[in-house]
């Protein structure tokens, strides 16, 4: 319950969490566009006879599914290491001493 004379004060962690959320969503969208785009660009409307194979996989699957997905499995490591910040999720004590 909020008291009458209190103003809402935004938690300073909210801004960082919002940045992290947008970065994660952006990485996901870029992943879908690149992996899907490569697979569609290489394999769309090709007959089985004209398909190229790499290590036994169709080229569209190798470049889009295997290589593209492998790259996007490594990128989140760097995003977490350099962009995300470690912060407590515990409630912060306000000036009155209660939570």
PDB file of N, CA and C in Angstrom:
ATOM      1  N   UNK A   1       0.842  -1.177   0.000  1.00  0.00           N
ATOM      2  CA  UNK A   1       0.000   0.000   0.000  1.00  0.00           C
ATOM      3  C   UNK A   1       0.884   1.235   0.000  1.00  0.00           C
ATOM      4  N   UNK A   2       0.601   2.175  -0.870  1.00  0.00           N
ATOM      5  CA  UNK A   2       1.427   3.367  -0.995  1.00  0.00           C
ATOM      6  C   UNK A   2       0.854   4.479  -0.126  1.00  0.00           C
ATOM      7  N   UNK A   3       1.751   5.165   0.561  1.00  0.00           N
ATOM      8  CA  UNK A   3       1.326   6.279   1.406  1.00  0.00           C
ATOM      9  C   UNK A   3       1.045   7.508   0.557  1.00  0.00           C
ATOM     10  N   UNK A   4       0.276   8.466   1.084  1.00  0.00           N
ATOM     11  CA  UNK A   4      -0.182   9.620   0.315  1.00  0.00           C
ATOM     12  C   UNK A   4       0.948  10.517  -0.177  1.00  0.00           C
ATOM     13  N   UNK A   5       1.963  10.786   0.624  1.00  0.00           N
ATOM     14  CA  UNK A   5       2.998  11.748   0.271  1.00  0.00           C
ATOM     15  C   UNK A   5       4.200  11.111  -0.418  1.00  0.00           C
ATOM     16  N   UNK A   6       4.124   9.836  -0.703  1.00  0.00           N
ATOM     17  CA  UNK A   6       5.254   9.157  -1.353  1.00  0.00           C
ATOM     18  C   UNK A   6       5.159   9.290  -2.859  1.00  0.00           C
ATOM     19  N   UNK A   7       6.306   9.521  -3.491  1.00  0.00           N
ATOM     20  CA  UNK A   7       6.382   9.518  -4.945  1.00  0.00           C
ATOM     21  C   UNK A   7       6.994   8.208  -5.392  1.00  0.00           C
ATOM     22  N   UNK A   8       6.571   7.768  -6.555  1.00  0.00           N
ATOM     23  CA  UNK A   8       7.144   6.548  -7.114  1.00  0.00           C
ATOM     24  C   UNK A   8       8.571   6.837  -7.565  1.00  0.00           C
ATOM     25  N   UNK A   9       9.510   5.995  -7.121  1.00  0.00           N
ATOM     26  CA  UNK A   9      10.905   6.125  -7.522  1.00  0.00           C
ATOM     27  C   UNK A   9      11.265   4.851  -8.275  1.00  0.00           C
ATOM     28  N   UNK A  10      11.657   5.038  -9.532  1.00  0.00           N
ATOM     29  CA  UNK A  10      12.004   3.885 -10.362  1.00  0.00           C
ATOM     30  C   UNK A  10      13.290   3.246  -9.858  1.00  0.00           C
ATOM     31  N   UNK A  11      13.276   1.931  -9.785  1.00  0.00           N
ATOM     32  CA  UNK A  11      14.470   1.189  -9.382  1.00  0.00           C
ATOM     33  C   UNK A  11      15.558   1.410 -10.432  1.00  0.00           C
ATOM     34  N   UNK A  12      16.766   1.777 -10.032  1.00  0.00           N
ATOM     35  CA  UNK A  12      17.827   2.041 -11.017  1.00  0.00           C
ATOM     36  C   UNK A  12      18.222   0.799 -11.827  1.00  0.00           C
ATOM     37  N   UNK A  13      17.902  -0.376 -11.340  1.00  0.00           N
ATOM     38  CA  UNK A  13      18.222  -1.600 -12.071  1.00  0.00           C
ATOM     39  C   UNK A  13      17.304  -1.807 -13.265  1.00  0.00           C
ATOM     40  N   UNK A  14      16.162  -1.146 -13.247  1.00  0.00           N
ATOM     41  CA  UNK A  14      15.185  -1.314 -14.315  1.00  0.00           C
ATOM     42  C   UNK A  14      15.748  -0.880 -15.662  1.00  0.00           C
ATOM     43  N   UNK A  15      16.468   0.224 -15.709  1.00  0.00           N
ATOM     44  CA  UNK A  15      17.034   0.721 -16.967  1.00  0.00           C
ATOM     45  C   UNK A  15      18.012  -0.286 -17.571  1.00  0.00           C
ATOM     46  N   UNK A  16      18.898  -0.855 -16.742  1.00  0.00           N
ATOM     47  CA  UNK A  16      19.863  -1.846 -17.237  1.00  0.00           C
ATOM     48  C   UNK A  16      19.144  -3.100 -17.712  1.00  0.00           C
ATOM     49  N   UNK A  17      18.136  -3.537 -16.981  1.00  0.00           N
ATOM     50  CA  UNK A  17      17.381  -4.733 -17.384  1.00  0.00           C
ATOM     51  C   UNK A  17      16.656  -4.500 -18.709  1.00  0.00           C
ATOM     52  N   UNK A  18      16.167  -3.293 -18.921  1.00  0.00           N
ATOM     53  CA  UNK A  18      15.506  -2.970 -20.183  1.00  0.00           C
ATOM     54  C   UNK A  18      16.504  -3.015 -21.335  1.00  0.00           C
ATOM     55  N   UNK A  19      17.708  -2.475 -21.142  1.00  0.00           N
ATOM     56  CA  UNK A  19      18.751  -2.529 -22.173  1.00  0.00           C
ATOM     57  C   UNK A  19      19.108  -3.978 -22.496  1.00  0.00           C
ATOM     58  N   UNK A  20      19.244  -4.801 -21.476  1.00  0.00           N
ATOM     59  CA  UNK A  20      19.589  -6.206 -21.680  1.00  0.00           C
ATOM     60  C   UNK A  20      18.473  -6.939 -22.427  1.00  0.00           C
ATOM     61  N   UNK A  21      17.234  -6.607 -22.104  1.00  0.00           N
ATOM     62  CA  UNK A  21      16.096  -7.232 -22.783  1.00  0.00           C
ATOM     63  C   UNK A  21      16.097  -6.882 -24.264  1.00  0.00           C
ATOM     64  N   UNK A  22      16.308  -5.610 -24.607  1.00  0.00           N
ATOM     65  CA  UNK A  22      16.317  -5.196 -26.015  1.00  0.00           C
ATOM     66  C   UNK A  22      17.501  -5.806 -26.763  1.00  0.00           C
ATOM     67  N   UNK A  23      18.650  -5.903 -26.110  1.00  0.00           N
ATOM     68  CA  UNK A  23      19.817  -6.516 -26.752  1.00  0.00           C
ATOM     69  C   UNK A  23      19.559  -7.992 -27.034  1.00  0.00           C
ATOM     70  N   UNK A  24      18.954  -8.687 -26.097  1.00  0.00           N
ATOM     71  CA  UNK A  24      18.638 -10.103 -26.271  1.00  0.00           C
ATOM     72  C   UNK A  24      17.608 -10.300 -27.378  1.00  0.00           C
ATOM     73  N   UNK A  25      16.579  -9.479 -27.383  1.00  0.00           N
ATOM     74  CA  UNK A  25      15.564  -9.562 -28.427  1.00  0.00           C
ATOM     75  C   UNK A  25      16.178  -9.249 -29.790  1.00  0.00           C
ATOM     76  N   UNK A  26      17.058  -8.253 -29.846  1.00  0.00           N
ATOM     77  CA  UNK A  26      17.728  -7.911 -31.101  1.00  0.00           C
ATOM     78  C   UNK A  26      18.579  -9.057 -31.616  1.00  0.00           C
ATOM     79  N   UNK A  27      19.329  -9.696 -30.723  1.00  0.00           N
ATOM     80  CA  UNK A  27      20.153 -10.834 -31.125  1.00  0.00           C
ATOM     81  C   UNK A  27      19.279 -11.972 -31.656  1.00  0.00           C
ATOM     82  N   UNK A  28      18.148 -12.207 -31.020  1.00  0.00           N
ATOM     83  CA  UNK A  28      17.229 -13.254 -31.465  1.00  0.00           C
ATOM     84  C   UNK A  28      16.685 -12.948 -32.864  1.00  0.00           C
ATOM     85  N   UNK A  29      16.268 -11.713 -33.094  1.00  0.00           N
ATOM     86  CA  UNK A  29      15.721 -11.337 -34.396  1.00  0.00           C
ATOM     87  C   UNK A  29      16.800 -11.441 -35.476  1.00  0.00           C
ATOM     88  N   UNK A  30      18.005 -10.968 -35.177  1.00  0.00           N
ATOM     89  CA  UNK A  30      19.106 -11.068 -36.140  1.00  0.00           C
ATOM     90  C   UNK A  30      19.423 -12.534 -36.435  1.00  0.00           C
ATOM     91  N   UNK A  31      19.378 -13.368 -35.420  1.00  0.00           N
ATOM     92  CA  UNK A  31      19.600 -14.807 -35.595  1.00  0.00           C
ATOM     93  C   UNK A  31      18.583 -15.385 -36.569  1.00  0.00           C
ATOM     94  N   UNK A  32      17.328 -15.115 -36.342  1.00  0.00           N
ATOM     95  CA  UNK A  32      16.271 -15.648 -37.205  1.00  0.00           C
ATOM     96  C   UNK A  32      16.446 -15.145 -38.638  1.00  0.00           C
ATOM     97  N   UNK A  33      16.732 -13.844 -38.793  1.00  0.00           N
ATOM     98  CA  UNK A  33      16.869 -13.277 -40.137  1.00  0.00           C
ATOM     99  C   UNK A  33      18.077 -13.842 -40.874  1.00  0.00           C
ATOM    100  N   UNK A  34      19.206 -13.949 -40.200  1.00  0.00           N
ATOM    101  CA  UNK A  34      20.411 -14.424 -40.881  1.00  0.00           C
ATOM    102  C   UNK A  34      20.342 -15.926 -41.150  1.00  0.00           C
ATOM    103  N   UNK A  35      20.024 -16.711 -40.134  1.00  0.00           N
ATOM    104  CA  UNK A  35      19.969 -18.166 -40.325  1.00  0.00           C
ATOM    105  C   UNK A  35      18.876 -18.527 -41.332  1.00  0.00           C
ATOM    106  N   UNK A  36      17.711 -17.945 -41.168  1.00  0.00           N
ATOM    107  CA  UNK A  36      16.629 -18.212 -42.119  1.00  0.00           C
ATOM    108  C   UNK A  36      16.920 -17.660 -43.498  1.00  0.00           C
ATOM    109  N   UNK A  37      17.494 -16.459 -43.552  1.00  0.00           N
ATOM    110  CA  UNK A  37      17.821 -15.848 -44.837  1.00  0.00           C
ATOM    111  C   UNK A  37      18.851 -16.638 -45.611  1.00  0.00           C
ATOM    112  N   UNK A  38      19.874 -17.117 -44.918  1.00  0.00           N
ATOM    113  CA  UNK A  38      20.902 -17.921 -45.588  1.00  0.00           C
ATOM    114  C   UNK A  38      20.298 -19.226 -46.094  1.00  0.00           C
ATOM    115  N   UNK A  39      19.509 -19.873 -45.265  1.00  0.00           N
ATOM    116  CA  UNK A  39      18.911 -21.145 -45.672  1.00  0.00           C
ATOM    117  C   UNK A  39      17.958 -20.952 -46.849  1.00  0.00           C
ATOM    118  N   UNK A  40      17.130 -19.924 -46.791  1.00  0.00           N
ATOM    119  CA  UNK A  40      16.195 -19.678 -47.887  1.00  0.00           C
ATOM    120  C   UNK A  40      16.939 -19.219 -49.137  1.00  0.00           C
ATOM    121  N   UNK A  41      17.929 -18.352 -48.961  1.00  0.00           N
ATOM    122  CA  UNK A  41      18.674 -17.842 -50.102  1.00  0.00           C
ATOM    123  C   UNK A  41      19.431 -18.907 -50.860  1.00  0.00           C
ATOM    124  N   UNK A  42      19.961 -19.881 -50.145  1.00  0.00           N
ATOM    125  CA  UNK A  42      20.745 -20.932 -50.804  1.00  0.00           C
ATOM    126  C   UNK A  42      19.857 -22.059 -51.317  1.00  0.00           C
ATOM    127  N   UNK A  43      18.795 -22.392 -50.584  1.00  0.00           N
ATOM    128  CA  UNK A  43      18.054 -23.602 -50.925  1.00  0.00           C
ATOM    129  C   UNK A  43      16.706 -23.427 -51.564  1.00  0.00           C
ATOM    130  N   UNK A  44      16.178 -22.217 -51.662  1.00  0.00           N
ATOM    131  CA  UNK A  44      14.825 -22.033 -52.176  1.00  0.00           C
ATOM    132  C   UNK A  44      14.753 -22.331 -53.676  1.00  0.00           C
ATOM    133  N   UNK A  45      13.744 -23.078 -54.026  1.00  0.00           N
ATOM    134  CA  UNK A  45      13.446 -23.423 -55.433  1.00  0.00           C
ATOM    135  C   UNK A  45      14.588 -24.149 -56.140  1.00  0.00           C
ATOM    136  N   UNK A  46      15.309 -24.978 -55.428  1.00  0.00           N
ATOM    137  CA  UNK A  46      16.365 -25.780 -56.063  1.00  0.00           C
ATOM    138  C   UNK A  46      15.906 -27.231 -56.092  1.00  0.00           C
ATOM    139  N   UNK A  47      16.172 -27.856 -57.180  1.00  0.00           N
ATOM    140  CA  UNK A  47      15.829 -29.272 -57.283  1.00  0.00           C
ATOM    141  C   UNK A  47      16.888 -30.105 -56.560  1.00  0.00           C
ATOM    142  N   UNK A  48      16.561 -31.326 -56.266  1.00  0.00           N
ATOM    143  CA  UNK A  48      17.496 -32.202 -55.554  1.00  0.00           C
ATOM    144  C   UNK A  48      18.751 -32.469 -56.382  1.00  0.00           C
ATOM    145  N   UNK A  49      18.616 -32.475 -57.691  1.00  0.00           N
ATOM    146  CA  UNK A  49      19.768 -32.743 -58.550  1.00  0.00           C
ATOM    147  C   UNK A  49      20.758 -31.571 -58.558  1.00  0.00           C
ATOM    148  N   UNK A  50      20.258 -30.357 -58.420  1.00  0.00           N
ATOM    149  CA  UNK A  50      21.144 -29.181 -58.472  1.00  0.00           C
ATOM    150  C   UNK A  50      21.653 -28.769 -57.087  1.00  0.00           C
ATOM    151  N   UNK A  51      21.254 -29.483 -56.066  1.00  0.00           N
ATOM    152  CA  UNK A  51      21.650 -29.145 -54.691  1.00  0.00           C
ATOM    153  C   UNK A  51      23.118 -29.482 -54.463  1.00  0.00           C
ATOM    154  N   UNK A  52      23.848 -28.564 -53.813  1.00  0.00           N
ATOM    155  CA  UNK A  52      25.239 -28.826 -53.408  1.00  0.00           C
ATOM    156  C   UNK A  52      25.233 -29.435 -52.013  1.00  0.00           C
ATOM    157  N   UNK A  53      26.204 -30.305 -51.754  1.00  0.00           N
ATOM    158  CA  UNK A  53      26.293 -30.960 -50.450  1.00  0.00           C
ATOM    159  C   UNK A  53      27.651 -30.678 -49.822  1.00  0.00           C
ATOM    160  N   UNK A  54      27.647 -30.415 -48.515  1.00  0.00           N
ATOM    161  CA  UNK A  54      28.865 -30.189 -47.747  1.00  0.00           C
ATOM    162  C   UNK A  54      28.826 -31.149 -46.564  1.00  0.00           C
ATOM    163  N   UNK A  55      29.815 -32.028 -46.484  1.00  0.00           N
ATOM    164  CA  UNK A  55      29.880 -33.051 -45.428  1.00  0.00           C
ATOM    165  C   UNK A  55      28.599 -33.874 -45.353  1.00  0.00           C
ATOM    166  N   UNK A  56      27.970 -34.094 -46.469  1.00  0.00           N
ATOM    167  CA  UNK A  56      26.759 -34.906 -46.524  1.00  0.00           C
ATOM    168  C   UNK A  56      25.480 -34.141 -46.253  1.00  0.00           C
ATOM    169  N   UNK A  57      25.571 -32.868 -45.913  1.00  0.00           N
ATOM    170  CA  UNK A  57      24.393 -32.040 -45.662  1.00  0.00           C
ATOM    171  C   UNK A  57      24.130 -31.158 -46.873  1.00  0.00           C
ATOM    172  N   UNK A  58      22.876 -30.859 -47.152  1.00  0.00           N
ATOM    173  CA  UNK A  58      22.605 -29.873 -48.200  1.00  0.00           C
ATOM    174  C   UNK A  58      23.261 -28.544 -47.811  1.00  0.00           C
ATOM    175  N   UNK A  59      23.754 -27.796 -48.791  1.00  0.00           N
ATOM    176  CA  UNK A  59      24.482 -26.556 -48.516  1.00  0.00           C
ATOM    177  C   UNK A  59      23.642 -25.573 -47.713  1.00  0.00           C
ATOM    178  N   UNK A  60      22.338 -25.482 -47.999  1.00  0.00           N
ATOM    179  CA  UNK A  60      21.497 -24.536 -47.274  1.00  0.00           C
ATOM    180  C   UNK A  60      21.423 -24.887 -45.790  1.00  0.00           C
ATOM    181  N   UNK A  61      21.369 -26.194 -45.483  1.00  0.00           N
ATOM    182  CA  UNK A  61      21.307 -26.612 -44.081  1.00  0.00           C
ATOM    183  C   UNK A  61      22.663 -26.447 -43.404  1.00  0.00           C
ATOM    184  N   UNK A  62      23.738 -26.762 -44.115  1.00  0.00           N
ATOM    185  CA  UNK A  62      25.075 -26.638 -43.529  1.00  0.00           C
ATOM    186  C   UNK A  62      25.361 -25.183 -43.151  1.00  0.00           C
ATOM    187  N   UNK A  63      25.165 -24.246 -44.100  1.00  0.00           N
ATOM    188  CA  UNK A  63      25.492 -22.846 -43.834  1.00  0.00           C
ATOM    189  C   UNK A  63      24.482 -22.176 -42.908  1.00  0.00           C
ATOM    190  N   UNK A  64      23.203 -22.460 -43.077  1.00  0.00           N
ATOM    191  CA  UNK A  64      22.184 -21.831 -42.241  1.00  0.00           C
ATOM    192  C   UNK A  64      21.989 -22.522 -40.906  1.00  0.00           C
ATOM    193  N   UNK A  65      21.832 -23.840 -40.961  1.00  0.00           N
ATOM    194  CA  UNK A  65      21.502 -24.581 -39.746  1.00  0.00           C
ATOM    195  C   UNK A  65      22.687 -24.891 -38.858  1.00  0.00           C
ATOM    196  N   UNK A  66      23.796 -25.287 -39.443  1.00  0.00           N
ATOM    197  CA  UNK A  66      24.946 -25.704 -38.627  1.00  0.00           C
ATOM    198  C   UNK A  66      25.882 -24.536 -38.337  1.00  0.00           C
ATOM    199  N   UNK A  67      26.395 -23.895 -39.379  1.00  0.00           N
ATOM    200  CA  UNK A  67      27.354 -22.802 -39.176  1.00  0.00           C
ATOM    201  C   UNK A  67      26.671 -21.578 -38.567  1.00  0.00           C
ATOM    202  N   UNK A  68      25.521 -21.183 -39.130  1.00  0.00           N
ATOM    203  CA  UNK A  68      24.799 -20.013 -38.601  1.00  0.00           C
ATOM    204  C   UNK A  68      24.396 -20.194 -37.150  1.00  0.00           C
ATOM    205  N   UNK A  69      23.860 -21.344 -36.818  1.00  0.00           N
ATOM    206  CA  UNK A  69      23.453 -21.600 -35.437  1.00  0.00           C
ATOM    207  C   UNK A  69      24.653 -21.688 -34.499  1.00  0.00           C
ATOM    208  N   UNK A  70      25.762 -22.231 -34.990  1.00  0.00           N
ATOM    209  CA  UNK A  70      26.976 -22.298 -34.158  1.00  0.00           C
ATOM    210  C   UNK A  70      27.491 -20.902 -33.819  1.00  0.00           C
ATOM    211  N   UNK A  71      27.474 -20.012 -34.800  1.00  0.00           N
ATOM    212  CA  UNK A  71      27.912 -18.630 -34.552  1.00  0.00           C
ATOM    213  C   UNK A  71      27.000 -17.968 -33.523  1.00  0.00           C
ATOM    214  N   UNK A  72      25.702 -18.173 -33.653  1.00  0.00           N
ATOM    215  CA  UNK A  72      24.771 -17.547 -32.720  1.00  0.00           C
ATOM    216  C   UNK A  72      24.690 -18.279 -31.381  1.00  0.00           C
ATOM    217  N   UNK A  73      25.409 -19.364 -31.219  1.00  0.00           N
ATOM    218  CA  UNK A  73      25.577 -19.977 -29.900  1.00  0.00           C
ATOM    219  C   UNK A  73      26.768 -19.365 -29.175  1.00  0.00           C
ATOM    220  N   UNK A  74      27.702 -18.797 -29.930  1.00  0.00           N
ATOM    221  CA  UNK A  74      28.900 -18.177 -29.344  1.00  0.00           C
ATOM    222  C   UNK A  74      28.652 -16.702 -29.027  1.00  0.00           C
ATOM    223  N   UNK A  75      27.905 -16.005 -29.858  1.00  0.00           N
ATOM    224  CA  UNK A  75      27.673 -14.573 -29.660  1.00  0.00           C
ATOM    225  C   UNK A  75      27.056 -14.216 -28.299  1.00  0.00           C
ATOM    226  N   UNK A  76      26.107 -14.982 -27.761  1.00  0.00           N
ATOM    227  CA  UNK A  76      25.574 -14.620 -26.446  1.00  0.00           C
ATOM    228  C   UNK A  76      26.626 -14.620 -25.336  1.00  0.00           C
ATOM    229  N   UNK A  77      27.655 -15.451 -25.458  1.00  0.00           N
ATOM    230  CA  UNK A  77      28.727 -15.436 -24.454  1.00  0.00           C
ATOM    231  C   UNK A  77      29.362 -14.049 -24.379  1.00  0.00           C
ATOM    232  N   UNK A  78      29.686 -13.487 -25.540  1.00  0.00           N
ATOM    233  CA  UNK A  78      30.316 -12.169 -25.556  1.00  0.00           C
ATOM    234  C   UNK A  78      29.339 -11.075 -25.131  1.00  0.00           C
ATOM    235  N   UNK A  79      28.073 -11.240 -25.475  1.00  0.00           N
ATOM    236  CA  UNK A  79      27.075 -10.264 -25.066  1.00  0.00           C
ATOM    237  C   UNK A  79      26.938 -10.252 -23.538  1.00  0.00           C
ATOM    238  N   UNK A  80      26.899 -11.425 -22.940  1.00  0.00           N
ATOM    239  CA  UNK A  80      26.786 -11.500 -21.482  1.00  0.00           C
ATOM    240  C   UNK A  80      28.063 -11.012 -20.816  1.00  0.00           C
ATOM    241  N   UNK A  81      29.211 -11.358 -21.375  1.00  0.00           N
ATOM    242  CA  UNK A  81      30.486 -10.980 -20.769  1.00  0.00           C
ATOM    243  C   UNK A  81      30.726  -9.474 -20.791  1.00  0.00           C
ATOM    244  N   UNK A  82      30.367  -8.798 -21.883  1.00  0.00           N
ATOM    245  CA  UNK A  82      30.719  -7.391 -22.041  1.00  0.00           C
ATOM    246  C   UNK A  82      29.552  -6.421 -21.913  1.00  0.00           C
ATOM    247  N   UNK A  83      28.315  -6.870 -22.046  1.00  0.00           N
ATOM    248  CA  UNK A  83      27.184  -5.954 -22.039  1.00  0.00           C
ATOM    249  C   UNK A  83      26.330  -6.077 -20.782  1.00  0.00           C
ATOM    250  N   UNK A  84      26.117  -7.285 -20.321  1.00  0.00           N
ATOM    251  CA  UNK A  84      25.270  -7.487 -19.144  1.00  0.00           C
ATOM    252  C   UNK A  84      26.029  -7.087 -17.883  1.00  0.00           C
ATOM    253  N   UNK A  85      25.281  -6.659 -16.877  1.00  0.00           N
ATOM    254  CA  UNK A  85      25.893  -6.290 -15.604  1.00  0.00           C
ATOM    255  C   UNK A  85      25.361  -7.207 -14.513  1.00  0.00           C
ATOM    256  N   UNK A  86      26.247  -7.606 -13.633  1.00  0.00           N
ATOM    257  CA  UNK A  86      25.863  -8.438 -12.503  1.00  0.00           C
ATOM    258  C   UNK A  86      25.296  -7.527 -11.424  1.00  0.00           C
ATOM    259  N   UNK A  87      24.057  -7.790 -11.014  1.00  0.00           N
ATOM    260  CA  UNK A  87      23.445  -6.969  -9.976  1.00  0.00           C
ATOM    261  C   UNK A  87      22.562  -7.838  -9.093  1.00  0.00           C
ATOM    262  N   UNK A  88      22.383  -7.388  -7.891  1.00  0.00           N
ATOM    263  CA  UNK A  88      21.576  -8.120  -6.934  1.00  0.00           C
ATOM    264  C   UNK A  88      20.100  -8.015  -7.307  1.00  0.00           C
ATOM    265  N   UNK A  89      19.362  -9.083  -7.069  1.00  0.00           N
ATOM    266  CA  UNK A  89      17.922  -9.027  -7.287  1.00  0.00           C
ATOM    267  C   UNK A  89      17.171  -8.892  -5.963  1.00  0.00           C
ATOM    268  N   UNK A  90      17.911  -8.736  -4.891  1.00  0.00           N
ATOM    269  CA  UNK A  90      17.303  -8.539  -3.582  1.00  0.00           C
ATOM    270  C   UNK A  90      16.673  -7.160  -3.509  1.00  0.00           C
ATOM    271  N   UNK A  91      15.642  -7.022  -2.695  1.00  0.00           N
ATOM    272  CA  UNK A  91      15.002  -5.725  -2.498  1.00  0.00           C
ATOM    273  C   UNK A  91      15.998  -4.783  -1.836  1.00  0.00           C
ATOM    274  N   UNK A  92      16.014  -3.542  -2.316  1.00  0.00           N
ATOM    275  CA  UNK A  92      16.914  -2.565  -1.713  1.00  0.00           C
ATOM    276  C   UNK A  92      16.195  -1.858  -0.571  1.00  0.00           C
ATOM    277  N   UNK A  93      16.941  -1.580   0.467  1.00  0.00           N
ATOM    278  CA  UNK A  93      16.381  -0.941   1.641  1.00  0.00           C
ATOM    279  C   UNK A  93      16.205   0.549   1.355  1.00  0.00           C
ATOM    280  N   UNK A  94      15.007   1.088   1.688  1.00  0.00           N
ATOM    281  CA  UNK A  94      14.828   2.529   1.453  1.00  0.00           C
ATOM    282  C   UNK A  94      15.234   3.321   2.695  1.00  0.00           C
ATOM    283  N   UNK A  95      15.016   4.599   2.672  1.00  0.00           N
ATOM    284  CA  UNK A  95      15.516   5.483   3.731  1.00  0.00           C
ATOM    285  C   UNK A  95      14.848   5.233   5.076  1.00  0.00           C
ATOM    286  N   UNK A  96      13.651   4.645   5.109  1.00  0.00           N
ATOM    287  CA  UNK A  96      12.980   4.377   6.388  1.00  0.00           C
ATOM    288  C   UNK A  96      13.466   3.100   7.043  1.00  0.00           C
ATOM    289  N   UNK A  97      14.167   2.255   6.306  1.00  0.00           N
ATOM    290  CA  UNK A  97      14.687   1.032   6.885  1.00  0.00           C
ATOM    291  C   UNK A  97      13.837  -0.188   6.630  1.00  0.00           C
ATOM    292  N   UNK A  98      12.695  -0.035   5.945  1.00  0.00           N
ATOM    293  CA  UNK A  98      11.872  -1.218   5.632  1.00  0.00           C
ATOM    294  C   UNK A  98      11.929  -1.485   4.131  1.00  0.00           C
ATOM    295  N   UNK A  99      11.394  -2.609   3.735  1.00  0.00           N
ATOM    296  CA  UNK A  99      11.472  -3.016   2.321  1.00  0.00           C
ATOM    297  C   UNK A  99      10.203  -2.676   1.587  1.00  0.00           C
TER     298      UNK A  99
END
